[in-house]
Structure formats: C-alpha cells, structure tokens
Amino acid sequence: MPELPQLSGRETVRAFELLGWKVVRQKGSHIILIKDGQVATLSVPDHKEVAKGTLRSLIRSAGMTVSEFQEALKK
C-alpha cells in the first residue's frame, strides 16, 4: 500500500481542486468540496495536519486510489 504524505487541510484542498473538486463553503473548521457528476461531498478538516486515516477516507470517497492522488500532488 502506498505511503500517504503528511498534508495540512489547505494542502489537501488544493490537491482536490487540481482534480476538479470545488470549494462550496466552510463551516467552522471544515471545508466542504463538491464535484459535478459525483454523489459524494468531501469535508476536509482545516487542521495543521490531516490524519492519515482521514486522508485515506477522503481519497476513497472521491473515488480514487492513493496512487492517483499522489500523482495529482506531483503536478
């Protein structure tokens, strides 16, 4: 299983924005993203460090693999 990078909430949001997700609102310490054609919404915690389990769950909810997510981070 590929190793997940340690990212902040803002870095995580930027990575998902590169993949076509859009920020629609922020409620407290969570940033909500949506994408056309996707049923799921993503709720990214705006923390200094996003827990690896939370990041893995967000990637899975987005319908991606960890490898695909890592490729998007390289761009």
PDB file of N, CA and C in Angstrom:
ATOM      1  N   MET A   1       0.842  -1.166   0.000  1.00  0.00           N
ATOM      2  CA  MET A   1       0.000   0.000   0.000  1.00  0.00           C
ATOM      3  C   MET A   1       0.898   1.244   0.000  1.00  0.00           C
ATOM      4  N   PRO A   2       0.652   2.205  -0.898  1.00  0.00           N
ATOM      5  CA  PRO A   2       1.493   3.401  -0.986  1.00  0.00           C
ATOM      6  C   PRO A   2       1.409   4.236   0.299  1.00  0.00           C
ATOM      7  N   GLU A   3       2.517   4.847   0.635  1.00  0.00           N
ATOM      8  CA  GLU A   3       2.591   5.698   1.820  1.00  0.00           C
ATOM      9  C   GLU A   3       1.912   7.038   1.534  1.00  0.00           C
ATOM     10  N   LEU A   4       1.068   7.480   2.465  1.00  0.00           N
ATOM     11  CA  LEU A   4       0.384   8.762   2.321  1.00  0.00           C
ATOM     12  C   LEU A   4       1.285   9.892   2.799  1.00  0.00           C
ATOM     13  N   PRO A   5       1.268  11.024   2.097  1.00  0.00           N
ATOM     14  CA  PRO A   5       2.061  12.170   2.561  1.00  0.00           C
ATOM     15  C   PRO A   5       1.366  12.837   3.749  1.00  0.00           C
ATOM     16  N   GLN A   6       2.111  13.591   4.531  1.00  0.00           N
ATOM     17  CA  GLN A   6       1.543  14.358   5.629  1.00  0.00           C
ATOM     18  C   GLN A   6       1.179  15.728   5.076  1.00  0.00           C
ATOM     19  N   LEU A   7      -0.117  16.040   5.033  1.00  0.00           N
ATOM     20  CA  LEU A   7      -0.598  17.285   4.446  1.00  0.00           C
ATOM     21  C   LEU A   7      -1.425  18.068   5.441  1.00  0.00           C
ATOM     22  N   SER A   8      -1.442  19.388   5.259  1.00  0.00           N
ATOM     23  CA  SER A   8      -2.349  20.214   6.039  1.00  0.00           C
ATOM     24  C   SER A   8      -3.718  20.184   5.352  1.00  0.00           C
ATOM     25  N   GLY A   9      -4.704  20.736   6.004  1.00  0.00           N
ATOM     26  CA  GLY A   9      -6.037  20.796   5.407  1.00  0.00           C
ATOM     27  C   GLY A   9      -6.050  21.605   4.121  1.00  0.00           C
ATOM     28  N   ARG A  10      -5.352  22.738   4.124  1.00  0.00           N
ATOM     29  CA  ARG A  10      -5.304  23.596   2.930  1.00  0.00           C
ATOM     30  C   ARG A  10      -4.593  22.909   1.765  1.00  0.00           C
ATOM     31  N   GLU A  11      -3.516  22.190   2.056  1.00  0.00           N
ATOM     32  CA  GLU A  11      -2.801  21.451   1.005  1.00  0.00           C
ATOM     33  C   GLU A  11      -3.686  20.349   0.430  1.00  0.00           C
ATOM     34  N   THR A  12      -4.452  19.713   1.273  1.00  0.00           N
ATOM     35  CA  THR A  12      -5.373  18.668   0.825  1.00  0.00           C
ATOM     36  C   THR A  12      -6.433  19.260  -0.092  1.00  0.00           C
ATOM     37  N   VAL A  13      -6.978  20.417   0.287  1.00  0.00           N
ATOM     38  CA  VAL A  13      -7.991  21.087  -0.539  1.00  0.00           C
ATOM     39  C   VAL A  13      -7.395  21.452  -1.894  1.00  0.00           C
ATOM     40  N   ARG A  14      -6.168  21.989  -1.914  1.00  0.00           N
ATOM     41  CA  ARG A  14      -5.530  22.348  -3.189  1.00  0.00           C
ATOM     42  C   ARG A  14      -5.361  21.133  -4.094  1.00  0.00           C
ATOM     43  N   ALA A  15      -4.997  20.000  -3.508  1.00  0.00           N
ATOM     44  CA  ALA A  15      -4.826  18.780  -4.297  1.00  0.00           C
ATOM     45  C   ALA A  15      -6.152  18.350  -4.917  1.00  0.00           C
ATOM     46  N   PHE A  16      -7.230  18.401  -4.147  1.00  0.00           N
ATOM     47  CA  PHE A  16      -8.530  18.016  -4.692  1.00  0.00           C
ATOM     48  C   PHE A  16      -9.023  19.033  -5.726  1.00  0.00           C
ATOM     49  N   GLU A  17      -8.675  20.309  -5.559  1.00  0.00           N
ATOM     50  CA  GLU A  17      -9.047  21.312  -6.562  1.00  0.00           C
ATOM     51  C   GLU A  17      -8.372  21.014  -7.897  1.00  0.00           C
ATOM     52  N   LEU A  18      -7.148  20.528  -7.872  1.00  0.00           N
ATOM     53  CA  LEU A  18      -6.457  20.143  -9.106  1.00  0.00           C
ATOM     54  C   LEU A  18      -7.174  18.987  -9.799  1.00  0.00           C
ATOM     55  N   LEU A  19      -7.916  18.208  -9.022  1.00  0.00           N
ATOM     56  CA  LEU A  19      -8.640  17.051  -9.555  1.00  0.00           C
ATOM     57  C   LEU A  19     -10.074  17.390  -9.940  1.00  0.00           C
ATOM     58  N   GLY A  20     -10.439  18.675  -9.915  1.00  0.00           N
ATOM     59  CA  GLY A  20     -11.763  19.092 -10.367  1.00  0.00           C
ATOM     60  C   GLY A  20     -12.780  19.348  -9.275  1.00  0.00           C
ATOM     61  N   TRP A  21     -12.409  19.205  -8.019  1.00  0.00           N
ATOM     62  CA  TRP A  21     -13.320  19.479  -6.908  1.00  0.00           C
ATOM     63  C   TRP A  21     -13.337  20.979  -6.657  1.00  0.00           C
ATOM     64  N   LYS A  22     -14.477  21.498  -6.173  1.00  0.00           N
ATOM     65  CA  LYS A  22     -14.629  22.934  -5.921  1.00  0.00           C
ATOM     66  C   LYS A  22     -15.063  23.153  -4.480  1.00  0.00           C
ATOM     67  N   VAL A  23     -14.486  24.189  -3.865  1.00  0.00           N
ATOM     68  CA  VAL A  23     -14.889  24.573  -2.517  1.00  0.00           C
ATOM     69  C   VAL A  23     -16.222  25.298  -2.617  1.00  0.00           C
ATOM     70  N   VAL A  24     -17.219  24.838  -1.864  1.00  0.00           N
ATOM     71  CA  VAL A  24     -18.526  25.493  -1.885  1.00  0.00           C
ATOM     72  C   VAL A  24     -18.791  26.285  -0.621  1.00  0.00           C
ATOM     73  N   ARG A  25     -18.199  25.857   0.499  1.00  0.00           N
ATOM     74  CA  ARG A  25     -18.393  26.601   1.734  1.00  0.00           C
ATOM     75  C   ARG A  25     -17.418  26.077   2.781  1.00  0.00           C
ATOM     76  N   GLN A  26     -17.330  26.863   3.856  1.00  0.00           N
ATOM     77  CA  GLN A  26     -16.564  26.412   5.012  1.00  0.00           C
ATOM     78  C   GLN A  26     -17.451  26.590   6.231  1.00  0.00           C
ATOM     79  N   LYS A  27     -17.608  25.518   6.972  1.00  0.00           N
ATOM     80  CA  LYS A  27     -18.415  25.549   8.188  1.00  0.00           C
ATOM     81  C   LYS A  27     -17.489  25.233   9.350  1.00  0.00           C
ATOM     82  N   GLY A  28     -17.180  26.225  10.157  1.00  0.00           N
ATOM     83  CA  GLY A  28     -16.257  26.019  11.262  1.00  0.00           C
ATOM     84  C   GLY A  28     -14.883  25.657  10.738  1.00  0.00           C
ATOM     85  N   SER A  29     -14.354  24.545  11.196  1.00  0.00           N
ATOM     86  CA  SER A  29     -13.007  24.144  10.785  1.00  0.00           C
ATOM     87  C   SER A  29     -13.021  23.117   9.668  1.00  0.00           C
ATOM     88  N   HIS A  30     -14.135  22.988   8.944  1.00  0.00           N
ATOM     89  CA  HIS A  30     -14.217  22.020   7.856  1.00  0.00           C
ATOM     90  C   HIS A  30     -14.545  22.719   6.540  1.00  0.00           C
ATOM     91  N   ILE A  31     -13.818  22.352   5.505  1.00  0.00           N
ATOM     92  CA  ILE A  31     -14.006  22.911   4.163  1.00  0.00           C
ATOM     93  C   ILE A  31     -14.756  21.865   3.343  1.00  0.00           C
ATOM     94  N   ILE A  32     -15.874  22.265   2.741  1.00  0.00           N
ATOM     95  CA  ILE A  32     -16.740  21.356   2.002  1.00  0.00           C
ATOM     96  C   ILE A  32     -16.470  21.515   0.509  1.00  0.00           C
ATOM     97  N   LEU A  33     -16.214  20.376  -0.161  1.00  0.00           N
ATOM     98  CA  LEU A  33     -15.946  20.371  -1.598  1.00  0.00           C
ATOM     99  C   LEU A  33     -16.979  19.507  -2.317  1.00  0.00           C
ATOM    100  N   ILE A  34     -17.300  19.918  -3.544  1.00  0.00           N
ATOM    101  CA  ILE A  34     -18.183  19.121  -4.395  1.00  0.00           C
ATOM    102  C   ILE A  34     -17.550  19.005  -5.776  1.00  0.00           C
ATOM    103  N   LYS A  35     -18.064  18.055  -6.550  1.00  0.00           N
ATOM    104  CA  LYS A  35     -17.605  17.874  -7.927  1.00  0.00           C
ATOM    105  C   LYS A  35     -18.799  17.444  -8.756  1.00  0.00           C
ATOM    106  N   ASP A  36     -18.966  18.046  -9.931  1.00  0.00           N
ATOM    107  CA  ASP A  36     -20.041  17.665 -10.839  1.00  0.00           C
ATOM    108  C   ASP A  36     -19.910  16.199 -11.202  1.00  0.00           C
ATOM    109  N   GLY A  37     -21.024  15.489 -11.174  1.00  0.00           N
ATOM    110  CA  GLY A  37     -21.024  14.080 -11.524  1.00  0.00           C
ATOM    111  C   GLY A  37     -20.717  13.164 -10.359  1.00  0.00           C
ATOM    112  N   GLN A  38     -20.389  13.716  -9.206  1.00  0.00           N
ATOM    113  CA  GLN A  38     -20.096  12.916  -8.018  1.00  0.00           C
ATOM    114  C   GLN A  38     -21.242  13.060  -7.015  1.00  0.00           C
ATOM    115  N   VAL A  39     -21.649  11.964  -6.437  1.00  0.00           N
ATOM    116  CA  VAL A  39     -22.699  11.992  -5.428  1.00  0.00           C
ATOM    117  C   VAL A  39     -22.138  12.489  -4.098  1.00  0.00           C
ATOM    118  N   ALA A  40     -20.898  12.120  -3.805  1.00  0.00           N
ATOM    119  CA  ALA A  40     -20.284  12.428  -2.513  1.00  0.00           C
ATOM    120  C   ALA A  40     -19.847  13.887  -2.427  1.00  0.00           C
ATOM    121  N   THR A  41     -19.862  14.414  -1.216  1.00  0.00           N
ATOM    122  CA  THR A  41     -19.213  15.679  -0.911  1.00  0.00           C
ATOM    123  C   THR A  41     -18.050  15.347   0.015  1.00  0.00           C
ATOM    124  N   LEU A  42     -17.023  16.163  -0.034  1.00  0.00           N
ATOM    125  CA  LEU A  42     -15.855  15.943   0.812  1.00  0.00           C
ATOM    126  C   LEU A  42     -15.809  17.012   1.891  1.00  0.00           C
ATOM    127  N   SER A  43     -15.580  16.611   3.100  1.00  0.00           N
ATOM    128  CA  SER A  43     -15.462  17.524   4.226  1.00  0.00           C
ATOM    129  C   SER A  43     -14.029  17.419   4.756  1.00  0.00           C
ATOM    130  N   VAL A  44     -13.207  18.403   4.384  1.00  0.00           N
ATOM    131  CA  VAL A  44     -11.786  18.377   4.724  1.00  0.00           C
ATOM    132  C   VAL A  44     -11.560  19.228   5.977  1.00  0.00           C
ATOM    133  N   PRO A  45     -10.987  18.647   7.029  1.00  0.00           N
ATOM    134  CA  PRO A  45     -10.707  19.443   8.229  1.00  0.00           C
ATOM    135  C   PRO A  45      -9.583  20.436   7.963  1.00  0.00           C
ATOM    136  N   ASP A  46      -9.779  21.682   8.377  1.00  0.00           N
ATOM    137  CA  ASP A  46      -8.771  22.728   8.174  1.00  0.00           C
ATOM    138  C   ASP A  46      -7.813  22.716   9.364  1.00  0.00           C
ATOM    139  N   HIS A  47      -7.012  21.653   9.443  1.00  0.00           N
ATOM    140  CA  HIS A  47      -6.061  21.478  10.532  1.00  0.00           C
ATOM    141  C   HIS A  47      -4.641  21.591  10.003  1.00  0.00           C
ATOM    142  N   LYS A  48      -3.681  21.718  10.917  1.00  0.00           N
ATOM    143  CA  LYS A  48      -2.274  21.770  10.502  1.00  0.00           C
ATOM    144  C   LYS A  48      -1.857  20.466   9.856  1.00  0.00           C
ATOM    145  N   GLU A  49      -2.367  19.359  10.384  1.00  0.00           N
ATOM    146  CA  GLU A  49      -2.075  18.043   9.819  1.00  0.00           C
ATOM    147  C   GLU A  49      -3.370  17.243   9.742  1.00  0.00           C
ATOM    148  N   VAL A  50      -3.667  16.730   8.558  1.00  0.00           N
ATOM    149  CA  VAL A  50      -4.827  15.853   8.379  1.00  0.00           C
ATOM    150  C   VAL A  50      -4.373  14.434   8.712  1.00  0.00           C
ATOM    151  N   ALA A  51      -5.105  13.755   9.569  1.00  0.00           N
ATOM    152  CA  ALA A  51      -4.756  12.387   9.955  1.00  0.00           C
ATOM    153  C   ALA A  51      -4.735  11.487   8.724  1.00  0.00           C
ATOM    154  N   LYS A  52      -3.830  10.538   8.718  1.00  0.00           N
ATOM    155  CA  LYS A  52      -3.672   9.664   7.547  1.00  0.00           C
ATOM    156  C   LYS A  52      -4.941   8.868   7.259  1.00  0.00           C
ATOM    157  N   GLY A  53      -5.632   8.420   8.305  1.00  0.00           N
ATOM    158  CA  GLY A  53      -6.883   7.690   8.112  1.00  0.00           C
ATOM    159  C   GLY A  53      -7.960   8.575   7.505  1.00  0.00           C
ATOM    160  N   THR A  54      -7.999   9.828   7.925  1.00  0.00           N
ATOM    161  CA  THR A  54      -8.963  10.789   7.371  1.00  0.00           C
ATOM    162  C   THR A  54      -8.647  11.058   5.908  1.00  0.00           C
ATOM    163  N   LEU A  55      -7.372  11.245   5.589  1.00  0.00           N
ATOM    164  CA  LEU A  55      -6.965  11.493   4.204  1.00  0.00           C
ATOM    165  C   LEU A  55      -7.303  10.292   3.326  1.00  0.00           C
ATOM    166  N   ARG A  56      -7.028   9.096   3.815  1.00  0.00           N
ATOM    167  CA  ARG A  56      -7.339   7.877   3.053  1.00  0.00           C
ATOM    168  C   ARG A  56      -8.855   7.779   2.813  1.00  0.00           C
ATOM    169  N   SER A  57      -9.653   8.132   3.807  1.00  0.00           N
ATOM    170  CA  SER A  57     -11.107   8.106   3.680  1.00  0.00           C
ATOM    171  C   SER A  57     -11.582   9.131   2.646  1.00  0.00           C
ATOM    172  N   LEU A  58     -10.987  10.325   2.644  1.00  0.00           N
ATOM    173  CA  LEU A  58     -11.350  11.348   1.662  1.00  0.00           C
ATOM    174  C   LEU A  58     -11.028  10.886   0.244  1.00  0.00           C
ATOM    175  N   ILE A  59      -9.864  10.272   0.084  1.00  0.00           N
ATOM    176  CA  ILE A  59      -9.461   9.774  -1.232  1.00  0.00           C
ATOM    177  C   ILE A  59     -10.431   8.697  -1.702  1.00  0.00           C
ATOM    178  N   ARG A  60     -10.798   7.794  -0.817  1.00  0.00           N
ATOM    179  CA  ARG A  60     -11.746   6.720  -1.153  1.00  0.00           C
ATOM    180  C   ARG A  60     -13.118   7.305  -1.507  1.00  0.00           C
ATOM    181  N   SER A  61     -13.581   8.312  -0.750  1.00  0.00           N
ATOM    182  CA  SER A  61     -14.870   8.953  -1.028  1.00  0.00           C
ATOM    183  C   SER A  61     -14.874   9.658  -2.373  1.00  0.00           C
ATOM    184  N   ALA A  62     -13.701  10.131  -2.791  1.00  0.00           N
ATOM    185  CA  ALA A  62     -13.586  10.815  -4.080  1.00  0.00           C
ATOM    186  C   ALA A  62     -13.534   9.821  -5.237  1.00  0.00           C
ATOM    187  N   GLY A  63     -13.509   8.520  -4.923  1.00  0.00           N
ATOM    188  CA  GLY A  63     -13.484   7.504  -5.971  1.00  0.00           C
ATOM    189  C   GLY A  63     -12.119   7.338  -6.607  1.00  0.00           C
ATOM    190  N   MET A  64     -11.077   7.559  -5.827  1.00  0.00           N
ATOM    191  CA  MET A  64      -9.711   7.486  -6.338  1.00  0.00           C
ATOM    192  C   MET A  64      -8.906   6.462  -5.555  1.00  0.00           C
ATOM    193  N   THR A  65      -7.731   6.188  -6.075  1.00  0.00           N
ATOM    194  CA  THR A  65      -6.776   5.383  -5.333  1.00  0.00           C
ATOM    195  C   THR A  65      -5.710   6.324  -4.763  1.00  0.00           C
ATOM    196  N   VAL A  66      -4.961   5.833  -3.806  1.00  0.00           N
ATOM    197  CA  VAL A  66      -3.897   6.633  -3.209  1.00  0.00           C
ATOM    198  C   VAL A  66      -2.861   6.997  -4.273  1.00  0.00           C
ATOM    199  N   SER A  67      -2.568   6.077  -5.172  1.00  0.00           N
ATOM    200  CA  SER A  67      -1.598   6.345  -6.238  1.00  0.00           C
ATOM    201  C   SER A  67      -2.054   7.486  -7.141  1.00  0.00           C
ATOM    202  N   GLU A  68      -3.328   7.513  -7.498  1.00  0.00           N
ATOM    203  CA  GLU A  68      -3.860   8.586  -8.330  1.00  0.00           C
ATOM    204  C   GLU A  68      -3.757   9.930  -7.611  1.00  0.00           C
ATOM    205  N   PHE A  69      -4.031   9.919  -6.312  1.00  0.00           N
ATOM    206  CA  PHE A  69      -3.946  11.138  -5.517  1.00  0.00           C
ATOM    207  C   PHE A  69      -2.507  11.645  -5.466  1.00  0.00           C
ATOM    208  N   GLN A  70      -1.567  10.737  -5.275  1.00  0.00           N
ATOM    209  CA  GLN A  70      -0.163  11.115  -5.228  1.00  0.00           C
ATOM    210  C   GLN A  70       0.307  11.687  -6.554  1.00  0.00           C
ATOM    211  N   GLU A  71      -0.177  11.156  -7.659  1.00  0.00           N
ATOM    212  CA  GLU A  71       0.157  11.694  -8.983  1.00  0.00           C
ATOM    213  C   GLU A  71      -0.341  13.128  -9.107  1.00  0.00           C
ATOM    214  N   ALA A  72      -1.536  13.404  -8.581  1.00  0.00           N
ATOM    215  CA  ALA A  72      -2.092  14.770  -8.636  1.00  0.00           C
ATOM    216  C   ALA A  72      -1.253  15.731  -7.801  1.00  0.00           C
ATOM    217  N   LEU A  73      -0.691  15.254  -6.706  1.00  0.00           N
ATOM    218  CA  LEU A  73       0.154  16.106  -5.858  1.00  0.00           C
ATOM    219  C   LEU A  73       1.432  16.497  -6.566  1.00  0.00           C
ATOM    220  N   LYS A  74       1.925  15.678  -7.458  1.00  0.00           N
ATOM    221  CA  LYS A  74       3.171  15.952  -8.172  1.00  0.00           C
ATOM    222  C   LYS A  74       3.006  17.064  -9.202  1.00  0.00           C
ATOM    223  N   LYS A  75       1.770  17.324  -9.606  1.00  0.00           N
ATOM    224  CA  LYS A  75       1.526  18.347 -10.638  1.00  0.00           C
ATOM    225  C   LYS A  75       1.620  19.731 -10.066  1.00  0.00           C
TER     226      LYS A  75
END
